[in-house]
Amino acid sequence: MTTGTGIGWAPPTEAERLLQESAASGSTEAVLDALSRRRLHVMAARLHADTPGFTAPFPSQYDPVTGRTCVPVLTSGMLPP
């Protein structure tokens, strides 16, 4: 997303602004705090989301940098249209 001012990307919502500031500070605790105060969304196939009673598993991926398994999440400002 661009701002139209030529200065590049601007956070679409307050949640992304807080996450950007937290990440820039280098504080993992600040990032986790910002995430904990927001509603987070996980990606799921439409078929799974629309099937009554079906619970899709969390999509996870291995992060070779940290050696951990991660669950990618989206904030409301980063949801697809």
Protein backbone atom coordinates (compact mmCIF):
# COMPACT_ATOMS: atom_id res chain seq x y z
CA MET A 1 0.00 0.00 0.00
CA THR A 2 1.35 3.41 -0.82
CA THR A 3 0.32 6.68 0.74
CA GLY A 4 0.19 8.63 -2.51
CA THR A 5 2.85 10.98 -1.16
CA GLY A 6 5.76 9.10 -2.67
CA ILE A 7 7.19 8.11 0.71
CA GLY A 8 6.32 4.40 0.39
CA TRP A 9 4.34 2.00 2.53
CA ALA A 10 2.04 3.20 5.30
CA PRO A 11 0.41 0.90 7.86
CA PRO A 12 -3.23 0.38 6.85
CA THR A 13 -4.52 0.21 10.45
CA GLU A 14 -3.53 1.08 14.00
CA ALA A 15 -2.58 -2.58 14.60
CA GLU A 16 0.02 -2.52 11.82
CA ARG A 17 1.36 0.84 13.00
CA LEU A 18 1.90 -0.56 16.50
CA LEU A 19 3.51 -3.71 15.12
CA GLN A 20 5.81 -1.67 12.90
CA GLU A 21 6.91 0.50 15.84
CA SER A 22 7.38 -2.56 18.07
CA ALA A 23 9.48 -4.35 15.47
CA ALA A 24 11.57 -1.23 14.85
CA SER A 25 12.34 -1.03 18.58
CA GLY A 26 13.84 -4.53 18.41
CA SER A 27 11.80 -5.69 21.40
CA THR A 28 10.27 -9.16 21.01
CA GLU A 29 8.15 -8.47 24.10
CA ALA A 30 6.70 -5.32 22.51
CA VAL A 31 5.80 -7.21 19.33
CA LEU A 32 4.09 -9.99 21.31
CA ASP A 33 2.27 -7.41 23.42
CA ALA A 34 1.00 -5.63 20.29
CA LEU A 35 -0.14 -8.96 18.81
CA SER A 36 -1.84 -10.04 22.04
CA ARG A 37 -4.09 -6.97 21.97
CA ARG A 38 -5.46 -7.65 18.48
CA ARG A 39 -7.77 -10.14 16.85
CA LEU A 40 -5.63 -12.41 14.68
CA HIS A 41 -6.74 -14.48 11.71
CA VAL A 42 -5.34 -17.68 10.19
CA MET A 43 -5.67 -18.58 6.55
CA ALA A 44 -8.05 -21.44 5.77
CA ALA A 45 -9.34 -22.84 2.53
CA ARG A 46 -12.84 -21.61 1.66
CA LEU A 47 -14.02 -25.23 1.50
CA HIS A 48 -12.96 -25.78 5.11
CA ALA A 49 -14.26 -22.44 6.34
CA ASP A 50 -17.70 -23.01 4.80
CA THR A 51 -18.15 -26.63 5.94
CA PRO A 52 -20.37 -26.69 9.06
CA GLY A 53 -18.68 -28.36 12.01
CA PHE A 54 -15.31 -28.72 10.27
CA THR A 55 -12.31 -27.29 12.08
CA ALA A 56 -9.34 -26.75 9.81
CA PRO A 57 -5.90 -27.40 11.30
CA PHE A 58 -3.61 -24.44 11.94
CA PRO A 59 -1.39 -23.90 8.91
CA SER A 60 2.14 -24.20 10.24
CA GLN A 61 5.57 -23.85 8.72
CA TYR A 62 9.09 -24.52 9.88
CA ASP A 63 11.33 -21.47 10.34
CA PRO A 64 14.92 -22.53 9.63
CA VAL A 65 16.31 -19.32 11.17
CA THR A 66 14.84 -19.91 14.64
CA GLY A 67 14.43 -23.69 14.37
CA ARG A 68 10.81 -23.37 15.45
CA THR A 69 7.45 -24.23 13.96
CA CYS A 70 5.39 -21.09 13.34
CA VAL A 71 1.73 -20.37 12.64
CA PRO A 72 1.40 -17.44 10.22
CA VAL A 73 -1.34 -15.01 11.24
CA LEU A 74 -2.87 -11.88 9.74
CA THR A 75 -4.23 -8.77 11.42
CA SER A 76 -7.50 -7.31 10.17
CA GLY A 77 -5.63 -4.69 8.14
CA MET A 78 -3.77 -7.37 6.21
CA LEU A 79 -6.75 -9.56 5.27
CA PRO A 80 -7.35 -10.11 1.58
CA PRO A 81 -10.37 -8.32 0.10
